[in-house]
C-alpha atoms as a PDB file:
ATOM      1  CA  MET A   1       6.729  41.087   7.120  1.00  0.00           C
ATOM      2  CA  ALA A   2       7.014  37.464   7.173  1.00  0.00           C
ATOM      3  CA  SER A   3       9.671  37.696  10.047  1.00  0.00           C
ATOM      4  CA  ILE A   4       7.544  39.593  12.161  1.00  0.00           C
ATOM      5  CA  SER A   5       4.218  37.352  11.297  1.00  0.00           C
ATOM      6  CA  THR A   6       6.975  34.260  12.610  1.00  0.00           C
ATOM      7  CA  ALA A   7       8.150  36.263  15.540  1.00  0.00           C
ATOM      8  CA  VAL A   8       4.364  36.758  16.988  1.00  0.00           C
ATOM      9  CA  ASP A   9       3.302  33.060  16.018  1.00  0.00           C
ATOM     10  CA  ASP A  10       6.624  32.050  18.389  1.00  0.00           C
ATOM     11  CA  GLN A  11       5.420  34.280  20.741  1.00  0.00           C
ATOM     12  CA  ILE A  12       1.845  32.818  20.426  1.00  0.00           C
ATOM     13  CA  SER A  13       3.150  29.677  20.875  1.00  0.00           C
ATOM     14  CA  ALA A  14       5.381  30.312  23.825  1.00  0.00           C
ATOM     15  CA  PHE A  15       2.120  32.021  25.909  1.00  0.00           C
ATOM     16  CA  LEU A  16       0.303  28.692  25.258  1.00  0.00           C
ATOM     17  CA  ASP A  17       2.674  26.509  26.367  1.00  0.00           C
ATOM     18  CA  ARG A  18       3.381  28.582  29.443  1.00  0.00           C
ATOM     19  CA  LEU A  19      -0.351  28.554  30.308  1.00  0.00           C
ATOM     20  CA  TRP A  20      -0.538  25.104  29.758  1.00  0.00           C
ATOM     21  CA  LEU A  21       2.113  24.348  32.341  1.00  0.00           C
ATOM     22  CA  GLN A  22       0.850  26.867  34.941  1.00  0.00           C
ATOM     23  CA  GLN A  23      -2.194  26.736  34.688  1.00  0.00           C
ATOM     24  CA  GLY A  24      -3.220  23.351  32.912  1.00  0.00           C
ATOM     25  CA  VAL A  25      -5.896  24.806  30.527  1.00  0.00           C
ATOM     26  CA  SER A  26      -7.627  22.717  28.058  1.00  0.00           C
ATOM     27  CA  LYS A  27      -7.032  22.080  24.553  1.00  0.00           C
ATOM     28  CA  HIS A  28     -10.282  23.863  24.013  1.00  0.00           C
ATOM     29  CA  THR A  29      -9.296  27.348  26.023  1.00  0.00           C
ATOM     30  CA  SER A  30      -6.003  27.330  24.376  1.00  0.00           C
ATOM     31  CA  GLN A  31      -7.663  26.973  20.692  1.00  0.00           C
ATOM     32  CA  ALA A  32      -9.840  29.864  21.847  1.00  0.00           C
ATOM     33  CA  TYR A  33      -6.941  31.823  23.226  1.00  0.00           C
ATOM     34  CA  GLN A  34      -4.719  31.308  19.967  1.00  0.00           C
ATOM     35  CA  SER A  35      -7.887  32.466  17.785  1.00  0.00           C
ATOM     36  CA  ASP A  36      -8.646  35.695  19.775  1.00  0.00           C
ATOM     37  CA  LEU A  37      -4.588  36.064  19.665  1.00  0.00           C
ATOM     38  CA  ARG A  38      -4.581  35.684  15.945  1.00  0.00           C
ATOM     39  CA  GLN A  39      -7.853  37.490  15.540  1.00  0.00           C
ATOM     40  CA  PHE A  40      -6.511  40.527  17.111  1.00  0.00           C
ATOM     41  CA  GLN A  41      -3.062  40.580  14.746  1.00  0.00           C
ATOM     42  CA  LYS A  42      -4.734  40.886  11.999  1.00  0.00           C
ATOM     43  CA  PHE A  43      -6.677  43.910  13.253  1.00  0.00           C
ATOM     44  CA  LEU A  44      -3.408  45.344  14.249  1.00  0.00           C
ATOM     45  CA  VAL A  45      -1.873  44.886  10.754  1.00  0.00           C
ATOM     46  CA  THR A  46      -4.509  47.019   9.292  1.00  0.00           C
ATOM     47  CA  ALA A  47      -3.454  49.824  11.867  1.00  0.00           C
ATOM     48  CA  GLN A  48       0.320  49.329  10.481  1.00  0.00           C
ATOM     49  CA  ARG A  49       1.146  47.714  13.988  1.00  0.00           C
ATOM     50  CA  PRO A  50       1.636  44.001  13.078  1.00  0.00           C
ATOM     51  CA  ASN A  51       3.397  42.845  16.078  1.00  0.00           C
ATOM     52  CA  LEU A  52       1.362  42.190  19.159  1.00  0.00           C
ATOM     53  CA  ALA A  53       4.041  43.893  21.650  1.00  0.00           C
ATOM     54  CA  ASP A  54       3.628  47.377  19.894  1.00  0.00           C
ATOM     55  CA  ALA A  55      -0.173  47.668  20.675  1.00  0.00           C
ATOM     56  CA  CYS A  56      -1.507  50.248  23.097  1.00  0.00           C
ATOM     57  CA  ALA A  57      -4.494  50.401  25.071  1.00  0.00           C
ATOM     58  CA  GLU A  58      -6.708  52.237  22.578  1.00  0.00           C
ATOM     59  CA  ASP A  59      -5.655  49.853  20.103  1.00  0.00           C
ATOM     60  CA  ILE A  60      -7.672  47.130  22.116  1.00  0.00           C
ATOM     61  CA  GLU A  61     -10.254  49.428  22.722  1.00  0.00           C
ATOM     62  CA  ASP A  62     -10.852  49.821  19.464  1.00  0.00           C
ATOM     63  CA  TYR A  63     -11.012  45.859  18.337  1.00  0.00           C
ATOM     64  CA  LEU A  64     -12.927  45.343  20.794  1.00  0.00           C
ATOM     65  CA  LEU A  65     -15.769  47.599  19.967  1.00  0.00           C
ATOM     66  CA  TRP A  66     -15.210  46.666  16.315  1.00  0.00           C
ATOM     67  CA  ARG A  67     -15.610  42.932  17.611  1.00  0.00           C
ATOM     68  CA  ARG A  68     -19.014  44.089  19.445  1.00  0.00           C
ATOM     69  CA  GLN A  69     -20.407  46.080  16.304  1.00  0.00           C
ATOM     70  CA  GLN A  70     -19.851  42.587  14.479  1.00  0.00           C
ATOM     71  CA  GLY A  71     -22.290  41.095  17.204  1.00  0.00           C
ATOM     72  CA  LEU A  72     -19.845  39.855  19.674  1.00  0.00           C
ATOM     73  CA  SER A  73     -21.232  38.876  22.481  1.00  0.00           C
ATOM     74  CA  PRO A  74     -20.808  40.379  25.837  1.00  0.00           C
ATOM     75  CA  ARG A  75     -19.455  36.655  26.847  1.00  0.00           C
ATOM     76  CA  SER A  76     -17.108  36.337  23.667  1.00  0.00           C
ATOM     77  CA  THR A  77     -15.697  40.157  24.335  1.00  0.00           C
ATOM     78  CA  SER A  78     -14.909  39.163  28.320  1.00  0.00           C
ATOM     79  CA  ARG A  79     -13.110  35.993  26.809  1.00  0.00           C
ATOM     80  CA  THR A  80     -11.047  38.140  24.026  1.00  0.00           C
ATOM     81  CA  LEU A  81     -10.246  40.682  26.577  1.00  0.00           C
ATOM     82  CA  SER A  82      -9.162  38.274  29.069  1.00  0.00           C
ATOM     83  CA  ALA A  83      -6.915  36.217  26.515  1.00  0.00           C
ATOM     84  CA  LEU A  84      -5.332  39.610  25.935  1.00  0.00           C
ATOM     85  CA  LYS A  85      -5.168  40.543  29.264  1.00  0.00           C
ATOM     86  CA  LYS A  86      -2.662  37.054  30.106  1.00  0.00           C
ATOM     87  CA  PHE A  87      -0.734  37.487  26.712  1.00  0.00           C
ATOM     88  CA  TYR A  88       0.216  40.843  27.600  1.00  0.00           C
ATOM     89  CA  GLN A  89       1.257  39.826  31.347  1.00  0.00           C
ATOM     90  CA  PHE A  90       3.252  36.944  30.345  1.00  0.00           C
ATOM     91  CA  ALA A  91       4.831  39.433  27.617  1.00  0.00           C
ATOM     92  CA  ARG A  92       5.737  41.705  30.123  1.00  0.00           C
ATOM     93  CA  THR A  93       7.747  38.736  31.907  1.00  0.00           C
ATOM     94  CA  GLN A  94       9.379  37.990  28.729  1.00  0.00           C
ATOM     95  CA  GLN A  95      10.003  41.656  28.575  1.00  0.00           C
ATOM     96  CA  TRP A  96       8.769  41.882  24.797  1.00  0.00           C
ATOM     97  CA  CYS A  97       6.785  45.078  25.969  1.00  0.00           C
ATOM     98  CA  ALA A  98       7.629  48.250  28.016  1.00  0.00           C
ATOM     99  CA  VAL A  99       4.343  48.055  29.508  1.00  0.00           C
ATOM    100  CA  ASP A 100       0.426  46.148  29.621  1.00  0.00           C
ATOM    101  CA  PRO A 101      -1.896  47.806  27.457  1.00  0.00           C
ATOM    102  CA  THR A 102      -4.555  45.872  28.969  1.00  0.00           C
ATOM    103  CA  ALA A 103      -4.131  47.110  32.523  1.00  0.00           C
ATOM    104  CA  ARG A 104      -6.275  49.253  32.992  1.00  0.00           C
ATOM    105  CA  LEU A 105      -8.779  47.684  30.914  1.00  0.00           C
ATOM    106  CA  ARG A 106     -11.702  46.112  32.822  1.00  0.00           C
ATOM    107  CA  ARG A 107     -14.153  43.231  31.610  1.00  0.00           C
ATOM    108  CA  PRO A 108     -17.284  43.570  30.499  1.00  0.00           C
ATOM    109  CA  LYS A 109     -20.263  42.827  33.083  1.00  0.00           C
ATOM    110  CA  GLN A 110     -22.027  39.820  31.933  1.00  0.00           C
ATOM    111  CA  PRO A 111     -25.628  39.534  32.543  1.00  0.00           C
ATOM    112  CA  GLN A 112     -26.174  36.147  34.815  1.00  0.00           C
ATOM    113  CA  SER A 113     -27.765  33.559  32.922  1.00  0.00           C
ATOM    114  CA  ILE A 114     -29.762  31.131  35.058  1.00  0.00           C
ATOM    115  CA  PRO A 115     -29.415  27.476  33.969  1.00  0.00           C
ATOM    116  CA  HIS A 116     -32.596  25.770  32.624  1.00  0.00           C
ATOM    117  CA  SER A 117     -32.999  22.496  34.675  1.00  0.00           C
ATOM    118  CA  LEU A 118     -35.328  19.500  33.878  1.00  0.00           C
ATOM    119  CA  SER A 119     -38.087  18.104  36.434  1.00  0.00           C
ATOM    120  CA  GLU A 120     -37.293  14.976  38.028  1.00  0.00           C
ATOM    121  CA  SER A 121     -39.861  13.410  36.150  1.00  0.00           C
ATOM    122  CA  GLU A 122     -38.731  14.864  32.818  1.00  0.00           C
ATOM    123  CA  VAL A 123     -35.324  13.140  34.221  1.00  0.00           C
ATOM    124  CA  GLU A 124     -36.556   9.836  34.979  1.00  0.00           C
ATOM    125  CA  ALA A 125     -37.862   9.952  31.518  1.00  0.00           C
ATOM    126  CA  LEU A 126     -35.174  10.788  29.875  1.00  0.00           C
ATOM    127  CA  LEU A 127     -32.905   7.916  31.434  1.00  0.00           C
ATOM    128  CA  ASN A 128     -35.715   5.443  31.068  1.00  0.00           C
ATOM    129  CA  ALA A 129     -35.580   6.115  27.249  1.00  0.00           C
ATOM    130  CA  PRO A 130     -32.797   4.396  25.996  1.00  0.00           C
ATOM    131  CA  ASN A 131     -33.527   0.195  25.095  1.00  0.00           C
ATOM    132  CA  VAL A 132     -31.305  -1.549  27.492  1.00  0.00           C
ATOM    133  CA  GLU A 133     -31.538  -4.522  24.851  1.00  0.00           C
ATOM    134  CA  ASP A 134     -29.307  -2.968  22.945  1.00  0.00           C
ATOM    135  CA  ALA A 135     -25.443  -2.826  23.579  1.00  0.00           C
ATOM    136  CA  ILE A 136     -25.346   0.718  22.331  1.00  0.00           C
ATOM    137  CA  GLU A 137     -28.315   1.861  24.189  1.00  0.00           C
ATOM    138  CA  LEU A 138     -27.206   0.028  27.512  1.00  0.00           C
ATOM    139  CA  ARG A 139     -23.879   2.190  27.437  1.00  0.00           C
ATOM    140  CA  ASP A 140     -25.992   5.152  26.617  1.00  0.00           C
ATOM    141  CA  ARG A 141     -27.997   4.369  29.478  1.00  0.00           C
ATOM    142  CA  ALA A 142     -25.222   3.920  32.326  1.00  0.00           C
ATOM    143  CA  MET A 143     -23.744   7.185  30.666  1.00  0.00           C
ATOM    144  CA  LEU A 144     -27.192   8.845  31.456  1.00  0.00           C
ATOM    145  CA  GLU A 145     -27.219   7.549  34.915  1.00  0.00           C
ATOM    146  CA  VAL A 146     -23.498   8.504  35.736  1.00  0.00           C
ATOM    147  CA  LEU A 147     -24.554  12.179  34.451  1.00  0.00           C
ATOM    148  CA  TYR A 148     -27.080  12.565  36.762  1.00  0.00           C
ATOM    149  CA  ALA A 149     -25.511  10.875  39.661  1.00  0.00           C
ATOM    150  CA  THR A 150     -22.443  12.583  39.460  1.00  0.00           C
ATOM    151  CA  GLY A 151     -23.087  16.263  37.629  1.00  0.00           C
ATOM    152  CA  LEU A 152     -19.823  15.484  35.733  1.00  0.00           C
ATOM    153  CA  ARG A 153     -19.606  17.575  32.335  1.00  0.00           C
ATOM    154  CA  VAL A 154     -19.912  15.895  29.176  1.00  0.00           C
ATOM    155  CA  THR A 155     -15.959  15.883  28.358  1.00  0.00           C
ATOM    156  CA  GLU A 156     -15.169  14.663  31.735  1.00  0.00           C
ATOM    157  CA  LEU A 157     -17.715  11.831  31.110  1.00  0.00           C
ATOM    158  CA  THR A 158     -16.546  11.026  27.949  1.00  0.00           C
ATOM    159  CA  GLN A 159     -12.975  10.872  28.776  1.00  0.00           C
ATOM    160  CA  LEU A 160     -13.452   8.278  31.981  1.00  0.00           C
ATOM    161  CA  THR A 161     -11.181   5.833  31.876  1.00  0.00           C
ATOM    162  CA  THR A 162     -11.705   2.152  33.618  1.00  0.00           C
ATOM    163  CA  ASP A 163      -9.317   3.176  36.449  1.00  0.00           C
ATOM    164  CA  GLN A 164     -11.113   6.555  37.438  1.00  0.00           C
ATOM    165  CA  ILE A 165     -14.270   4.467  38.216  1.00  0.00           C
ATOM    166  CA  SER A 166     -14.115   1.969  41.661  1.00  0.00           C
ATOM    167  CA  LEU A 167     -17.324  -0.171  42.157  1.00  0.00           C
ATOM    168  CA  GLN A 168     -16.236  -1.498  45.766  1.00  0.00           C
ATOM    169  CA  GLN A 169     -15.926   1.764  46.874  1.00  0.00           C
ATOM    170  CA  GLU A 170     -18.738   3.390  44.478  1.00  0.00           C
ATOM    171  CA  LEU A 171     -16.718   6.446  43.529  1.00  0.00           C
ATOM    172  CA  VAL A 172     -15.655   8.376  40.435  1.00  0.00           C
ATOM    173  CA  ARG A 173     -12.342  10.129  40.660  1.00  0.00           C
ATOM    174  CA  VAL A 174     -12.998  12.672  38.054  1.00  0.00           C
ATOM    175  CA  VAL A 175      -9.915  14.643  36.465  1.00  0.00           C
ATOM    176  CA  GLY A 176     -11.676  18.288  35.835  1.00  0.00           C
ATOM    177  CA  LYS A 177     -10.578  21.626  34.569  1.00  0.00           C
ATOM    178  CA  GLY A 178      -7.444  22.622  35.270  1.00  0.00           C
ATOM    179  CA  ASN A 179      -6.295  19.244  35.616  1.00  0.00           C
ATOM    180  CA  LYS A 180      -7.762  19.144  39.453  1.00  0.00           C
ATOM    181  CA  GLU A 181      -8.780  16.031  40.842  1.00  0.00           C
ATOM    182  CA  ARG A 182     -12.215  15.315  42.754  1.00  0.00           C
ATOM    183  CA  LEU A 183     -13.779  12.430  44.009  1.00  0.00           C
ATOM    184  CA  VAL A 184     -17.787  11.951  43.682  1.00  0.00           C
ATOM    185  CA  PRO A 185     -19.900   9.520  44.622  1.00  0.00           C
ATOM    186  CA  LEU A 186     -22.024   7.371  42.431  1.00  0.00           C
ATOM    187  CA  GLY A 187     -24.517   5.929  43.941  1.00  0.00           C
ATOM    188  CA  GLU A 188     -26.363   2.836  43.602  1.00  0.00           C
ATOM    189  CA  GLU A 189     -28.617   3.135  40.908  1.00  0.00           C
ATOM    190  CA  ALA A 190     -25.656   4.356  38.628  1.00  0.00           C
ATOM    191  CA  LEU A 191     -23.466   1.854  39.963  1.00  0.00           C
ATOM    192  CA  HIS A 192     -26.011  -1.030  38.726  1.00  0.00           C
ATOM    193  CA  TRP A 193     -26.170   0.346  35.587  1.00  0.00           C
ATOM    194  CA  VAL A 194     -22.339   0.842  35.076  1.00  0.00           C
ATOM    195  CA  GLN A 195     -21.754  -3.122  36.289  1.00  0.00           C
ATOM    196  CA  ASP A 196     -24.813  -3.623  33.765  1.00  0.00           C
ATOM    197  CA  TYR A 197     -22.947  -2.298  30.684  1.00  0.00           C
ATOM    198  CA  LEU A 198     -19.285  -3.413  31.638  1.00  0.00           C
ATOM    199  CA  HIS A 199     -21.281  -7.173  32.244  1.00  0.00           C
ATOM    200  CA  SER A 200     -23.706  -6.997  29.132  1.00  0.00           C
ATOM    201  CA  ALA A 201     -22.235  -4.688  26.782  1.00  0.00           C
ATOM    202  CA  ARG A 202     -18.797  -3.136  26.717  1.00  0.00           C
ATOM    203  CA  SER A 203     -17.370  -6.177  25.031  1.00  0.00           C
ATOM    204  CA  THR A 204     -20.148  -6.882  23.004  1.00  0.00           C
ATOM    205  CA  LEU A 205     -19.212  -3.225  21.325  1.00  0.00           C
ATOM    206  CA  HIS A 206     -15.450  -4.178  21.006  1.00  0.00           C
ATOM    207  CA  GLN A 207     -13.594  -7.526  21.554  1.00  0.00           C
ATOM    208  CA  LYS A 208     -10.644  -5.643  22.966  1.00  0.00           C
ATOM    209  CA  PRO A 209     -11.650  -2.781  24.645  1.00  0.00           C
ATOM    210  CA  GLY A 210      -8.770  -0.166  25.970  1.00  0.00           C
ATOM    211  CA  ASP A 211      -8.394   1.805  28.887  1.00  0.00           C
ATOM    212  CA  TRP A 212     -11.753   4.109  28.113  1.00  0.00           C
ATOM    213  CA  LEU A 213     -14.951   3.290  30.193  1.00  0.00           C
ATOM    214  CA  PHE A 214     -17.612   4.370  27.796  1.00  0.00           C
ATOM    215  CA  ILE A 215     -16.568   3.166  24.381  1.00  0.00           C
ATOM    216  CA  THR A 216     -17.749   3.014  20.610  1.00  0.00           C
ATOM    217  CA  ARG A 217     -17.773   0.248  18.592  1.00  0.00           C
ATOM    218  CA  ARG A 218     -14.570   0.867  17.109  1.00  0.00           C
ATOM    219  CA  GLY A 219     -13.237   0.873  20.744  1.00  0.00           C
ATOM    220  CA  GLY A 220     -12.437   4.619  21.498  1.00  0.00           C
ATOM    221  CA  PRO A 221     -14.290   7.067  23.527  1.00  0.00           C
ATOM    222  CA  LEU A 222     -17.098   9.060  22.350  1.00  0.00           C
ATOM    223  CA  THR A 223     -16.888  12.536  21.026  1.00  0.00           C
ATOM    224  CA  ARG A 224     -18.823  15.504  23.221  1.00  0.00           C
ATOM    225  CA  GLN A 225     -21.144  15.867  19.959  1.00  0.00           C
ATOM    226  CA  ALA A 226     -21.431  12.337  19.301  1.00  0.00           C
ATOM    227  CA  PHE A 227     -23.181  11.899  23.398  1.00  0.00           C
ATOM    228  CA  TRP A 228     -25.062  15.136  22.889  1.00  0.00           C
ATOM    229  CA  TYR A 229     -26.665  13.718  19.748  1.00  0.00           C
ATOM    230  CA  ARG A 230     -27.479  10.712  21.487  1.00  0.00           C
ATOM    231  CA  ILE A 231     -29.325  12.961  24.460  1.00  0.00           C
ATOM    232  CA  LYS A 232     -31.428  14.995  21.949  1.00  0.00           C
ATOM    233  CA  LEU A 233     -32.282  11.509  20.687  1.00  0.00           C
ATOM    234  CA  TYR A 234     -33.563  10.067  23.875  1.00  0.00           C
ATOM    235  CA  ALA A 235     -35.037  13.431  25.006  1.00  0.00           C
ATOM    236  CA  GLN A 236     -37.023  13.281  21.786  1.00  0.00           C
ATOM    237  CA  ARG A 237     -38.282   9.604  22.616  1.00  0.00           C
ATOM    238  CA  ALA A 238     -39.341  10.652  25.695  1.00  0.00           C
ATOM    239  CA  ASP A 239     -41.511  13.493  24.668  1.00  0.00           C
ATOM    240  CA  ILE A 240     -39.363  15.970  26.259  1.00  0.00           C
ATOM    241  CA  ARG A 241     -39.716  19.784  25.051  1.00  0.00           C
ATOM    242  CA  SER A 242     -37.611  21.663  27.312  1.00  0.00           C
ATOM    243  CA  HIS A 243     -34.909  23.537  26.426  1.00  0.00           C
ATOM    244  CA  LEU A 244     -31.942  21.174  26.031  1.00  0.00           C
ATOM    245  CA  SER A 245     -28.180  21.391  26.273  1.00  0.00           C
ATOM    246  CA  PRO A 246     -25.243  19.343  26.833  1.00  0.00           C
ATOM    247  CA  HIS A 247     -25.184  20.392  30.353  1.00  0.00           C
ATOM    248  CA  THR A 248     -28.819  19.786  30.966  1.00  0.00           C
ATOM    249  CA  LEU A 249     -28.102  16.675  33.474  1.00  0.00           C
ATOM    250  CA  ARG A 250     -25.529  18.511  35.045  1.00  0.00           C
ATOM    251  CA  HIS A 251     -28.029  21.404  36.085  1.00  0.00           C
ATOM    252  CA  ALA A 252     -30.635  18.940  37.088  1.00  0.00           C
ATOM    253  CA  PHE A 253     -28.065  17.103  39.478  1.00  0.00           C
ATOM    254  CA  ALA A 254     -27.385  20.941  41.050  1.00  0.00           C
ATOM    255  CA  THR A 255     -30.624  21.873  41.207  1.00  0.00           C
ATOM    256  CA  HIS A 256     -32.370  18.746  42.375  1.00  0.00           C
ATOM    257  CA  LEU A 257     -29.471  18.150  45.244  1.00  0.00           C
ATOM    258  CA  LEU A 258     -30.142  22.437  46.206  1.00  0.00           C
ATOM    259  CA  ASN A 259     -34.115  21.216  46.323  1.00  0.00           C
ATOM    260  CA  HIS A 260     -33.332  18.522  48.230  1.00  0.00           C
ATOM    261  CA  GLY A 261     -31.392  20.362  50.886  1.00  0.00           C
ATOM    262  CA  ALA A 262     -27.810  19.780  49.687  1.00  0.00           C
ATOM    263  CA  ASP A 263     -25.206  22.472  51.226  1.00  0.00           C
ATOM    264  CA  LEU A 264     -23.676  24.681  49.009  1.00  0.00           C
ATOM    265  CA  ARG A 265     -20.258  24.440  49.726  1.00  0.00           C
ATOM    266  CA  VAL A 266     -20.880  20.446  49.532  1.00  0.00           C
ATOM    267  CA  LEU A 267     -22.633  21.185  45.691  1.00  0.00           C
ATOM    268  CA  GLN A 268     -19.435  23.262  45.001  1.00  0.00           C
ATOM    269  CA  MET A 269     -16.722  20.402  45.619  1.00  0.00           C
ATOM    270  CA  LEU A 270     -18.880  18.192  43.618  1.00  0.00           C
ATOM    271  CA  LEU A 271     -18.833  19.975  40.771  1.00  0.00           C
ATOM    272  CA  GLY A 272     -15.685  20.824  40.506  1.00  0.00           C
ATOM    273  CA  HIS A 273     -16.157  24.687  40.801  1.00  0.00           C
ATOM    274  CA  SER A 274     -13.151  26.712  41.904  1.00  0.00           C
ATOM    275  CA  ASP A 275     -15.409  29.843  42.927  1.00  0.00           C
ATOM    276  CA  LEU A 276     -18.697  29.487  45.245  1.00  0.00           C
ATOM    277  CA  SER A 277     -20.121  32.087  43.312  1.00  0.00           C
ATOM    278  CA  THR A 278     -20.027  30.086  40.102  1.00  0.00           C
ATOM    279  CA  THR A 279     -22.180  27.561  42.108  1.00  0.00           C
ATOM    280  CA  GLN A 280     -24.396  30.247  43.838  1.00  0.00           C
ATOM    281  CA  ILE A 281     -26.529  30.580  40.271  1.00  0.00           C
ATOM    282  CA  TYR A 282     -28.293  27.288  41.056  1.00  0.00           C
ATOM    283  CA  THR A 283     -29.281  28.712  44.139  1.00  0.00           C
ATOM    284  CA  HIS A 284     -31.856  31.208  41.808  1.00  0.00           C
ATOM    285  CA  VAL A 285     -33.124  28.070  39.964  1.00  0.00           C
ATOM    286  CA  ALA A 286     -33.824  26.102  43.612  1.00  0.00           C
ATOM    287  CA  ARG A 287     -35.465  29.469  44.539  1.00  0.00           C
ATOM    288  CA  GLU A 288     -37.752  29.955  41.416  1.00  0.00           C
ATOM    289  CA  ARG A 289     -39.115  25.979  42.010  1.00  0.00           C
ATOM    290  CA  LEU A 290     -39.609  26.772  45.398  1.00  0.00           C
ATOM    291  CA  GLN A 291     -42.077  30.158  44.790  1.00  0.00           C
ATOM    292  CA  GLN A 292     -43.966  27.784  42.422  1.00  0.00           C
ATOM    293  CA  LEU A 293     -44.604  25.553  44.929  1.00  0.00           C
ATOM    294  CA  HIS A 294     -45.769  27.965  47.292  1.00  0.00           C
ATOM    295  CA  ALA A 295     -47.697  29.705  44.832  1.00  0.00           C
ATOM    296  CA  GLN A 296     -49.670  26.555  43.760  1.00  0.00           C
ATOM    297  CA  HIS A 297     -50.052  25.188  47.513  1.00  0.00           C
ATOM    298  CA  HIS A 298     -50.200  27.928  49.664  1.00  0.00           C
ATOM    299  CA  PRO A 299     -54.108  29.049  50.445  1.00  0.00           C
ATOM    300  CA  ARG A 300     -53.317  32.810  50.474  1.00  0.00           C
ATOM    301  CA  ALA A 301     -50.520  32.778  47.699  1.00  0.00           C
END
């Protein structure tokens, strides 16, 4: 049994290495796929088939049904099946199995969730919440301004280095999902706060800052979780009671651009979406806002 377990570990490692090399998946996605495969392998042990290569379509259907009965969400179910599909496609190329047991399985349809967006006045209140006389809060003000000006993902923001931002050209070079690069305009307001932070706060936080743009007192980058805590702190200070998420300002960036007439294709490029359908979800938010305005102001509404 130990040798089988070792062989399975080697197969999973080989699969994740290939996934990283070919698709440049993030560390988070790689860890999620690894967890999905290990959990499925444990399930197979109970069915007396400890080797992933021995699984059949019925095993996978039984496993997904069992996970749903345990409360797994449709989104997580789809992600799990995606991991299994990718693994078995790779397994076929390595001749670990004769057939792909996931070939006829289809991902469950997910309900389209519409992202919540702050109003422009709420964003203004959030941006004004930090006390810019304090070095930490001046850094946070610059980060919030960049986030709203560019629509970056929080991880993209916290991982920015100094060579990714051009103050002269007012551009940010973003390395997004799959190591895909895109250029995003910074804008005058965000540029002002970044310059203020670089001039007045960065060296105060750490005497010898390295390459990270936004640093802690230890000189390293903020974690995603730490910045999310800061967002909640400022939202509370600004008395914002709307639902918040780490991507709140990214959603606001997209929605407000659409409300002001931005082209959907341009928005797709700015957000770094590989598929336009992902960007189109923001048209629902913009449409809802237009309907509200119509209801409030049209004499026959």
